[in-house]
Amino acid sequence: MGGADIIARKGRLLLIVSVAVVTLLFVSISLWMLRPIPDAGSSGTMFANDSGQSHGGFEWAGEYDVSLESYFHGPRTLTVSLRIGLGDQVQIHSVDLQSWEGGYDDLTLVSDHWTMVLERNANGSGSNDYVAEWSPSGIGEGIGQVRPSWFGLPDTYYLRIELEAIGVY
């Protein structure tokens, strides 16, 4: 076997390795560029307890992180995840939304099963938050339109959701 054969083999091996590396790089970049990227969204909190009112008398309470994401020509999702609480009683942690509409006064989220309405700055704090609140007594704590059952909780529970004004990415 001469020196020319060894050089030819090394050249073919180098060509094969080069083509494999370039192909892998091309596929990796293509997949990265095709990943879903949120084009709008919001975040906030959800508080729930079993007392039916915003304060006192509960055996269970939980605070949740809430995220709202929309993907260009893709899904819109409302997701809740336990931040702190006496166990996680929420049964529905993610909801696919058909649409959402945000105006100055309110934010409307539409799923297959319900329509949630959050009112802007309903708490009078001067913030830009959207707020919805449910209390089975309905005395002084009903803001917007939301029900605990939409998250798998009994409608005898108290529930409050606050979302920041929607941002476009």
N, C-alpha and C. Protein backbone atom coordinates (compact mmCIF):
# COMPACT_ATOMS: atom_id res chain seq x y z
N MET A 1 0.86 -1.17 0.00
CA MET A 1 0.00 0.00 0.00
C MET A 1 0.90 1.22 0.00
N GLY A 2 0.67 2.08 -0.97
CA GLY A 2 1.53 3.24 -1.11
C GLY A 2 1.00 4.44 -0.37
N GLY A 3 1.83 5.48 -0.36
CA GLY A 3 1.46 6.72 0.31
C GLY A 3 0.25 7.38 -0.33
N ALA A 4 0.09 7.19 -1.65
CA ALA A 4 -1.05 7.80 -2.35
C ALA A 4 -2.36 7.20 -1.88
N ASP A 5 -2.38 5.88 -1.60
CA ASP A 5 -3.60 5.22 -1.11
C ASP A 5 -3.99 5.73 0.28
N ILE A 6 -3.00 5.91 1.12
CA ILE A 6 -3.27 6.39 2.49
C ILE A 6 -3.83 7.81 2.42
N ILE A 7 -3.26 8.64 1.59
CA ILE A 7 -3.74 10.02 1.46
C ILE A 7 -5.16 10.01 0.89
N ALA A 8 -5.45 9.16 -0.08
CA ALA A 8 -6.79 9.08 -0.66
C ALA A 8 -7.81 8.63 0.38
N ARG A 9 -7.47 7.63 1.22
CA ARG A 9 -8.38 7.16 2.28
C ARG A 9 -8.64 8.27 3.30
N LYS A 10 -7.58 8.95 3.72
CA LYS A 10 -7.75 10.04 4.68
C LYS A 10 -8.60 11.16 4.08
N GLY A 11 -8.43 11.41 2.80
CA GLY A 11 -9.21 12.44 2.11
C GLY A 11 -10.70 12.08 2.08
N ARG A 12 -10.99 10.79 1.77
CA ARG A 12 -12.40 10.34 1.74
C ARG A 12 -13.00 10.40 3.14
N LEU A 13 -12.24 9.97 4.15
CA LEU A 13 -12.73 10.01 5.53
C LEU A 13 -12.98 11.45 5.96
N LEU A 14 -12.08 12.35 5.61
CA LEU A 14 -12.26 13.75 5.94
C LEU A 14 -13.49 14.31 5.23
N LEU A 15 -13.72 13.95 4.01
CA LEU A 15 -14.90 14.40 3.26
C LEU A 15 -16.18 13.88 3.91
N ILE A 16 -16.20 12.61 4.28
CA ILE A 16 -17.39 12.02 4.91
C ILE A 16 -17.68 12.70 6.25
N VAL A 17 -16.66 12.90 7.06
CA VAL A 17 -16.83 13.56 8.37
C VAL A 17 -17.30 15.00 8.16
N SER A 18 -16.74 15.71 7.20
CA SER A 18 -17.13 17.10 6.92
C SER A 18 -18.59 17.19 6.51
N VAL A 19 -19.01 16.30 5.60
CA VAL A 19 -20.42 16.29 5.16
C VAL A 19 -21.34 15.98 6.33
N ALA A 20 -20.96 15.04 7.19
CA ALA A 20 -21.78 14.69 8.35
C ALA A 20 -21.91 15.88 9.31
N VAL A 21 -20.82 16.58 9.57
CA VAL A 21 -20.84 17.73 10.47
C VAL A 21 -21.71 18.85 9.89
N VAL A 22 -21.54 19.15 8.62
CA VAL A 22 -22.33 20.21 7.98
C VAL A 22 -23.81 19.84 7.98
N THR A 23 -24.14 18.59 7.70
CA THR A 23 -25.53 18.14 7.72
C THR A 23 -26.13 18.26 9.11
N LEU A 24 -25.40 17.81 10.12
CA LEU A 24 -25.87 17.91 11.50
C LEU A 24 -26.07 19.37 11.90
N LEU A 25 -25.16 20.23 11.52
CA LEU A 25 -25.28 21.64 11.82
C LEU A 25 -26.50 22.24 11.12
N PHE A 26 -26.73 21.91 9.87
CA PHE A 26 -27.87 22.41 9.11
C PHE A 26 -29.18 21.95 9.74
N VAL A 27 -29.28 20.69 10.10
CA VAL A 27 -30.50 20.16 10.72
C VAL A 27 -30.75 20.83 12.08
N SER A 28 -29.70 20.99 12.88
CA SER A 28 -29.84 21.63 14.19
C SER A 28 -30.34 23.07 14.06
N ILE A 29 -29.75 23.84 13.17
CA ILE A 29 -30.17 25.22 12.98
C ILE A 29 -31.59 25.29 12.45
N SER A 30 -31.95 24.40 11.52
CA SER A 30 -33.30 24.39 10.98
C SER A 30 -34.33 24.09 12.05
N LEU A 31 -34.07 23.10 12.90
CA LEU A 31 -35.01 22.77 13.97
C LEU A 31 -35.12 23.92 14.97
N TRP A 32 -34.00 24.57 15.27
CA TRP A 32 -34.03 25.69 16.20
C TRP A 32 -34.86 26.84 15.63
N MET A 33 -34.73 27.10 14.34
CA MET A 33 -35.48 28.19 13.72
C MET A 33 -36.97 27.87 13.60
N LEU A 34 -37.33 26.62 13.56
CA LEU A 34 -38.73 26.23 13.41
C LEU A 34 -39.45 26.03 14.74
N ARG A 35 -38.76 26.22 15.87
CA ARG A 35 -39.39 26.01 17.17
C ARG A 35 -40.50 27.04 17.37
N PRO A 36 -41.54 26.69 18.14
CA PRO A 36 -42.60 27.67 18.39
C PRO A 36 -42.09 28.77 19.31
N ILE A 37 -42.36 30.00 18.94
CA ILE A 37 -41.95 31.15 19.73
C ILE A 37 -43.20 31.93 20.13
N PRO A 38 -43.37 32.19 21.43
CA PRO A 38 -44.54 32.96 21.82
C PRO A 38 -44.50 34.36 21.22
N ASP A 39 -45.66 34.84 20.75
CA ASP A 39 -45.71 36.18 20.19
C ASP A 39 -46.43 37.16 21.12
N ALA A 40 -47.11 36.64 22.13
CA ALA A 40 -47.77 37.50 23.11
C ALA A 40 -48.00 36.68 24.37
N GLY A 41 -48.13 37.37 25.49
CA GLY A 41 -48.38 36.63 26.71
C GLY A 41 -48.49 37.52 27.92
N SER A 42 -48.73 36.88 29.03
CA SER A 42 -48.87 37.57 30.30
C SER A 42 -48.58 36.58 31.41
N SER A 43 -48.35 37.11 32.59
CA SER A 43 -48.17 36.23 33.75
C SER A 43 -48.85 36.88 34.95
N GLY A 44 -49.06 36.08 35.97
CA GLY A 44 -49.70 36.60 37.16
C GLY A 44 -49.85 35.52 38.21
N THR A 45 -50.88 35.67 39.04
CA THR A 45 -51.10 34.74 40.14
C THR A 45 -52.58 34.36 40.23
N MET A 46 -52.80 33.22 40.86
CA MET A 46 -54.15 32.78 41.19
C MET A 46 -54.12 32.35 42.65
N PHE A 47 -55.09 32.80 43.42
CA PHE A 47 -55.23 32.41 44.81
C PHE A 47 -56.58 31.74 44.99
N ALA A 48 -56.61 30.62 45.70
CA ALA A 48 -57.86 29.93 45.97
C ALA A 48 -57.85 29.40 47.39
N ASN A 49 -59.04 29.32 47.98
CA ASN A 49 -59.17 28.67 49.28
C ASN A 49 -60.56 28.07 49.40
N ASP A 50 -60.73 27.22 50.41
CA ASP A 50 -61.99 26.50 50.57
C ASP A 50 -63.00 27.22 51.47
N SER A 51 -62.68 28.44 51.92
CA SER A 51 -63.59 29.13 52.84
C SER A 51 -64.71 29.87 52.10
N GLY A 52 -64.53 30.11 50.80
CA GLY A 52 -65.55 30.82 50.05
C GLY A 52 -65.43 32.33 50.16
N GLN A 53 -64.41 32.83 50.83
CA GLN A 53 -64.17 34.27 50.92
C GLN A 53 -62.68 34.53 50.91
N SER A 54 -62.31 35.79 50.71
CA SER A 54 -60.89 36.12 50.53
C SER A 54 -60.07 36.01 51.80
N HIS A 55 -60.71 35.95 52.93
CA HIS A 55 -59.96 36.01 54.18
C HIS A 55 -60.53 35.02 55.20
N GLY A 56 -59.63 34.41 55.93
CA GLY A 56 -59.96 33.62 57.12
C GLY A 56 -60.87 32.43 56.94
N GLY A 57 -60.79 31.53 57.90
CA GLY A 57 -61.70 30.40 57.99
C GLY A 57 -61.45 29.26 57.03
N PHE A 58 -60.30 29.19 56.42
CA PHE A 58 -60.06 28.12 55.44
C PHE A 58 -59.23 26.99 56.03
N GLU A 59 -59.46 25.80 55.49
CA GLU A 59 -58.62 24.64 55.82
C GLU A 59 -57.58 24.40 54.74
N TRP A 60 -57.92 24.78 53.51
CA TRP A 60 -56.99 24.66 52.39
C TRP A 60 -56.87 26.01 51.69
N ALA A 61 -55.65 26.35 51.30
CA ALA A 61 -55.40 27.55 50.49
C ALA A 61 -54.19 27.27 49.61
N GLY A 62 -54.18 27.85 48.43
CA GLY A 62 -53.05 27.70 47.53
C GLY A 62 -52.86 28.93 46.67
N GLU A 63 -51.60 29.25 46.42
CA GLU A 63 -51.27 30.33 45.49
C GLU A 63 -50.55 29.71 44.30
N TYR A 64 -50.95 30.14 43.11
CA TYR A 64 -50.46 29.55 41.86
C TYR A 64 -49.84 30.63 40.98
N ASP A 65 -48.82 30.24 40.23
CA ASP A 65 -48.31 31.08 39.15
C ASP A 65 -49.19 30.83 37.94
N VAL A 66 -49.52 31.87 37.22
CA VAL A 66 -50.36 31.77 36.03
C VAL A 66 -49.58 32.33 34.85
N SER A 67 -49.61 31.61 33.74
CA SER A 67 -49.00 32.14 32.52
C SER A 67 -50.00 32.02 31.37
N LEU A 68 -49.95 32.99 30.53
CA LEU A 68 -50.82 33.06 29.36
C LEU A 68 -49.91 33.25 28.17
N GLU A 69 -49.92 32.30 27.24
CA GLU A 69 -49.02 32.38 26.08
C GLU A 69 -49.79 32.14 24.80
N SER A 70 -49.38 32.86 23.78
CA SER A 70 -49.93 32.71 22.45
C SER A 70 -48.78 32.52 21.48
N TYR A 71 -48.94 31.58 20.56
CA TYR A 71 -47.93 31.33 19.55
C TYR A 71 -48.49 31.73 18.20
N PHE A 72 -47.68 32.41 17.39
CA PHE A 72 -48.11 32.85 16.07
C PHE A 72 -48.64 31.66 15.28
N HIS A 73 -49.88 31.75 14.85
CA HIS A 73 -50.56 30.66 14.12
C HIS A 73 -50.50 29.35 14.88
N GLY A 74 -50.54 29.40 16.20
CA GLY A 74 -50.45 28.18 17.00
C GLY A 74 -51.34 28.28 18.22
N PRO A 75 -51.05 27.44 19.21
CA PRO A 75 -51.93 27.37 20.38
C PRO A 75 -51.83 28.59 21.29
N ARG A 76 -52.92 28.82 21.98
CA ARG A 76 -52.98 29.81 23.06
C ARG A 76 -53.28 29.01 24.32
N THR A 77 -52.50 29.22 25.36
CA THR A 77 -52.60 28.37 26.54
C THR A 77 -52.60 29.20 27.82
N LEU A 78 -53.48 28.83 28.76
CA LEU A 78 -53.49 29.36 30.11
C LEU A 78 -53.00 28.23 31.01
N THR A 79 -51.93 28.46 31.76
CA THR A 79 -51.33 27.43 32.60
C THR A 79 -51.21 27.92 34.03
N VAL A 80 -51.57 27.05 34.99
CA VAL A 80 -51.40 27.37 36.41
C VAL A 80 -50.52 26.31 37.05
N SER A 81 -49.60 26.76 37.92
CA SER A 81 -48.73 25.82 38.64
C SER A 81 -48.59 26.29 40.08
N LEU A 82 -48.67 25.33 40.99
CA LEU A 82 -48.66 25.63 42.41
C LEU A 82 -47.35 26.32 42.81
N ARG A 83 -47.48 27.47 43.46
CA ARG A 83 -46.33 28.18 44.00
C ARG A 83 -46.15 27.80 45.47
N ILE A 84 -47.24 27.90 46.24
CA ILE A 84 -47.20 27.56 47.65
C ILE A 84 -48.61 27.23 48.10
N GLY A 85 -48.73 26.27 49.00
CA GLY A 85 -50.06 25.93 49.49
C GLY A 85 -50.05 24.66 50.30
N LEU A 86 -51.22 24.32 50.77
CA LEU A 86 -51.42 23.13 51.59
C LEU A 86 -51.80 21.96 50.69
N GLY A 87 -50.95 21.66 49.72
CA GLY A 87 -51.24 20.64 48.73
C GLY A 87 -51.84 21.28 47.49
N ASP A 88 -51.88 20.53 46.42
CA ASP A 88 -52.38 21.04 45.15
C ASP A 88 -53.75 20.44 44.87
N GLN A 89 -54.80 21.22 45.05
CA GLN A 89 -56.16 20.72 44.81
C GLN A 89 -56.66 21.04 43.40
N VAL A 90 -55.93 21.87 42.66
CA VAL A 90 -56.34 22.19 41.30
C VAL A 90 -56.21 20.93 40.44
N GLN A 91 -57.25 20.63 39.71
CA GLN A 91 -57.26 19.43 38.85
C GLN A 91 -56.93 19.75 37.39
N ILE A 92 -57.19 20.99 36.98
CA ILE A 92 -56.96 21.39 35.59
C ILE A 92 -55.88 22.47 35.60
N HIS A 93 -54.67 22.09 35.17
CA HIS A 93 -53.52 22.99 35.23
C HIS A 93 -53.24 23.70 33.92
N SER A 94 -53.81 23.24 32.83
CA SER A 94 -53.56 23.85 31.52
C SER A 94 -54.84 23.83 30.70
N VAL A 95 -55.14 24.96 30.09
CA VAL A 95 -56.36 25.09 29.29
C VAL A 95 -55.98 25.67 27.93
N ASP A 96 -56.40 25.00 26.87
CA ASP A 96 -56.22 25.55 25.52
C ASP A 96 -57.30 26.59 25.29
N LEU A 97 -56.89 27.74 24.81
CA LEU A 97 -57.83 28.83 24.56
C LEU A 97 -58.11 28.95 23.08
N GLN A 98 -59.36 29.24 22.76
CA GLN A 98 -59.74 29.48 21.36
C GLN A 98 -59.31 30.88 20.93
N SER A 99 -59.44 31.81 21.89
CA SER A 99 -59.06 33.19 21.60
C SER A 99 -58.91 33.97 22.89
N TRP A 100 -58.32 35.13 22.76
CA TRP A 100 -58.35 36.12 23.83
C TRP A 100 -58.42 37.49 23.19
N GLU A 101 -59.07 38.37 23.92
CA GLU A 101 -59.23 39.73 23.46
C GLU A 101 -58.97 40.67 24.61
N GLY A 102 -58.02 41.55 24.45
CA GLY A 102 -57.70 42.50 25.51
C GLY A 102 -58.03 43.90 25.08
N GLY A 103 -58.82 44.57 25.88
CA GLY A 103 -59.11 45.98 25.66
C GLY A 103 -58.60 46.76 26.85
N TYR A 104 -58.90 48.05 26.86
CA TYR A 104 -58.43 48.85 27.99
C TYR A 104 -59.14 48.41 29.28
N ASP A 105 -60.43 48.13 29.20
CA ASP A 105 -61.21 47.85 30.41
C ASP A 105 -61.21 46.40 30.85
N ASP A 106 -61.04 45.47 29.91
CA ASP A 106 -61.10 44.07 30.31
C ASP A 106 -60.33 43.17 29.36
N LEU A 107 -60.14 41.93 29.82
CA LEU A 107 -59.47 40.89 29.06
C LEU A 107 -60.41 39.69 29.04
N THR A 108 -60.71 39.19 27.85
CA THR A 108 -61.62 38.05 27.72
C THR A 108 -60.85 36.85 27.17
N LEU A 109 -60.92 35.73 27.89
CA LEU A 109 -60.29 34.47 27.48
C LEU A 109 -61.40 33.48 27.17
N VAL A 110 -61.34 32.85 26.01
CA VAL A 110 -62.39 31.93 25.59
C VAL A 110 -61.80 30.54 25.39
N SER A 111 -62.36 29.55 26.10
CA SER A 111 -61.98 28.14 25.90
C SER A 111 -63.18 27.43 25.28
N ASP A 112 -63.05 26.12 25.11
CA ASP A 112 -64.18 25.33 24.60
C ASP A 112 -65.33 25.27 25.59
N HIS A 113 -65.05 25.49 26.89
CA HIS A 113 -66.05 25.26 27.93
C HIS A 113 -66.48 26.50 28.69
N TRP A 114 -65.74 27.59 28.60
CA TRP A 114 -66.08 28.78 29.38
C TRP A 114 -65.49 30.03 28.74
N THR A 115 -66.00 31.18 29.21
CA THR A 115 -65.46 32.48 28.83
C THR A 115 -65.13 33.24 30.11
N MET A 116 -63.85 33.53 30.31
CA MET A 116 -63.39 34.25 31.49
C MET A 116 -63.24 35.73 31.14
N VAL A 117 -63.71 36.58 32.03
CA VAL A 117 -63.56 38.03 31.84
C VAL A 117 -62.82 38.58 33.05
N LEU A 118 -61.69 39.21 32.79
CA LEU A 118 -60.91 39.87 33.83
C LEU A 118 -61.03 41.38 33.61
N GLU A 119 -61.27 42.12 34.68
CA GLU A 119 -61.42 43.56 34.58
C GLU A 119 -60.10 44.25 34.91
N ARG A 120 -59.79 45.30 34.17
CA ARG A 120 -58.55 46.04 34.40
C ARG A 120 -58.67 46.87 35.67
N ASN A 121 -57.64 46.75 36.50
CA ASN A 121 -57.50 47.58 37.68
C ASN A 121 -58.77 47.61 38.55
N ALA A 122 -59.44 46.49 38.65
CA ALA A 122 -60.68 46.43 39.42
C ALA A 122 -60.43 46.62 40.91
N ASN A 123 -59.20 46.40 41.35
CA ASN A 123 -58.91 46.53 42.78
C ASN A 123 -58.59 47.96 43.20
N GLY A 124 -58.53 48.88 42.24
CA GLY A 124 -58.30 50.28 42.57
C GLY A 124 -56.88 50.59 43.01
N SER A 125 -55.94 49.70 42.80
CA SER A 125 -54.57 49.90 43.29
C SER A 125 -53.74 50.76 42.35
N GLY A 126 -54.27 51.08 41.19
CA GLY A 126 -53.50 51.86 40.23
C GLY A 126 -52.61 51.01 39.35
N SER A 127 -52.66 49.68 39.51
CA SER A 127 -51.84 48.80 38.69
C SER A 127 -52.51 48.59 37.33
N ASN A 128 -51.80 47.96 36.43
CA ASN A 128 -52.36 47.64 35.12
C ASN A 128 -52.84 46.20 35.06
N ASP A 129 -53.02 45.58 36.21
CA ASP A 129 -53.44 44.18 36.24
C ASP A 129 -54.89 44.02 35.81
N TYR A 130 -55.13 42.84 35.22
CA TYR A 130 -56.50 42.39 34.97
C TYR A 130 -56.87 41.46 36.13
N VAL A 131 -58.07 41.58 36.65
CA VAL A 131 -58.48 40.82 37.83
C VAL A 131 -59.84 40.18 37.59
N ALA A 132 -59.96 38.93 38.04
CA ALA A 132 -61.26 38.25 38.12
C ALA A 132 -61.31 37.56 39.48
N GLU A 133 -62.48 37.59 40.10
CA GLU A 133 -62.61 37.06 41.44
C GLU A 133 -63.98 36.41 41.60
N TRP A 134 -64.00 35.28 42.29
CA TRP A 134 -65.24 34.55 42.54
C TRP A 134 -65.38 34.27 44.03
N SER A 135 -66.52 34.58 44.55
CA SER A 135 -66.88 34.21 45.92
C SER A 135 -68.31 33.68 45.85
N PRO A 136 -68.56 32.49 46.41
CA PRO A 136 -69.91 31.94 46.30
C PRO A 136 -70.97 32.82 46.95
N SER A 137 -70.58 33.63 47.95
CA SER A 137 -71.54 34.53 48.57
C SER A 137 -71.85 35.71 47.66
N GLY A 138 -70.88 36.06 46.79
CA GLY A 138 -71.08 37.17 45.87
C GLY A 138 -71.10 38.53 46.55
N ILE A 139 -70.79 38.56 47.82
CA ILE A 139 -70.85 39.82 48.56
C ILE A 139 -69.51 40.53 48.48
N GLY A 140 -69.45 41.58 47.67
CA GLY A 140 -68.27 42.44 47.60
C GLY A 140 -67.04 41.82 46.96
N GLU A 141 -67.09 40.56 46.53
CA GLU A 141 -65.88 39.94 46.00
C GLU A 141 -66.06 39.38 44.59
N GLY A 142 -67.14 39.70 43.94
CA GLY A 142 -67.34 39.23 42.58
C GLY A 142 -66.83 40.26 41.58
N ILE A 143 -65.74 39.94 40.89
CA ILE A 143 -65.16 40.83 39.89
C ILE A 143 -64.98 40.02 38.62
N GLY A 144 -65.40 40.57 37.50
CA GLY A 144 -65.23 39.86 36.24
C GLY A 144 -66.07 38.59 36.21
N GLN A 145 -65.57 37.61 35.49
CA GLN A 145 -66.28 36.33 35.37
C GLN A 145 -65.27 35.19 35.39
N VAL A 146 -65.33 34.39 36.48
CA VAL A 146 -64.45 33.23 36.64
C VAL A 146 -65.13 32.28 37.61
N ARG A 147 -64.85 31.00 37.51
CA ARG A 147 -65.40 30.00 38.43
C ARG A 147 -64.29 29.03 38.82
N PRO A 148 -64.25 28.63 40.09
CA PRO A 148 -63.26 27.63 40.52
C PRO A 148 -63.39 26.31 39.75
N SER A 149 -64.60 25.95 39.35
CA SER A 149 -64.81 24.67 38.65
C SER A 149 -64.05 24.62 37.32
N TRP A 150 -63.72 25.76 36.76
CA TRP A 150 -62.95 25.78 35.51
C TRP A 150 -61.54 25.23 35.71
N PHE A 151 -61.11 25.14 36.97
CA PHE A 151 -59.80 24.59 37.31
C PHE A 151 -59.93 23.31 38.13
N GLY A 152 -61.14 22.74 38.15
CA GLY A 152 -61.36 21.48 38.85
C GLY A 152 -61.60 21.64 40.34
N LEU A 153 -61.88 22.84 40.80
CA LEU A 153 -62.18 23.10 42.21
C LEU A 153 -63.70 23.24 42.38
N PRO A 154 -64.21 22.97 43.58
CA PRO A 154 -65.65 23.17 43.82
C PRO A 154 -66.01 24.67 43.74
N ASP A 155 -67.20 24.98 43.25
CA ASP A 155 -67.64 26.36 43.17
C ASP A 155 -67.95 26.98 44.53
N THR A 156 -67.79 26.21 45.60
CA THR A 156 -67.93 26.76 46.95
C THR A 156 -66.63 27.41 47.40
N TYR A 157 -65.56 27.30 46.60
CA TYR A 157 -64.25 27.88 46.93
C TYR A 157 -64.20 29.34 46.48
N TYR A 158 -63.32 30.10 47.13
CA TYR A 158 -62.98 31.46 46.71
C TYR A 158 -61.84 31.37 45.69
N LEU A 159 -61.87 32.24 44.67
CA LEU A 159 -60.83 32.22 43.64
C LEU A 159 -60.57 33.64 43.17
N ARG A 160 -59.30 33.99 43.01
CA ARG A 160 -58.90 35.29 42.46
C ARG A 160 -57.74 35.08 41.50
N ILE A 161 -57.86 35.66 40.32
CA ILE A 161 -56.80 35.61 39.32
C ILE A 161 -56.41 37.04 38.98
N GLU A 162 -55.10 37.30 38.94
CA GLU A 162 -54.57 38.58 38.49
C GLU A 162 -53.55 38.32 37.40
N LEU A 163 -53.72 38.99 36.26
CA LEU A 163 -52.77 38.90 35.16
C LEU A 163 -52.28 40.29 34.82
N GLU A 164 -51.00 40.38 34.49
CA GLU A 164 -50.44 41.65 34.04
C GLU A 164 -51.02 41.98 32.66
N ALA A 165 -50.91 43.24 32.30
CA ALA A 165 -51.33 43.65 30.96
C ALA A 165 -50.57 42.82 29.94
N ILE A 166 -51.22 42.46 28.86
CA ILE A 166 -50.64 41.58 27.87
C ILE A 166 -49.49 42.26 27.15
N GLY A 167 -48.38 41.52 27.04
CA GLY A 167 -47.21 42.02 26.35
C GLY A 167 -47.04 41.30 25.02
N VAL A 168 -46.55 42.02 24.04
CA VAL A 168 -46.24 41.42 22.74
C VAL A 168 -44.74 41.24 22.67
N TYR A 169 -44.30 40.03 22.33
CA TYR A 169 -42.86 39.73 22.31
C TYR A 169 -42.24 40.13 21.00
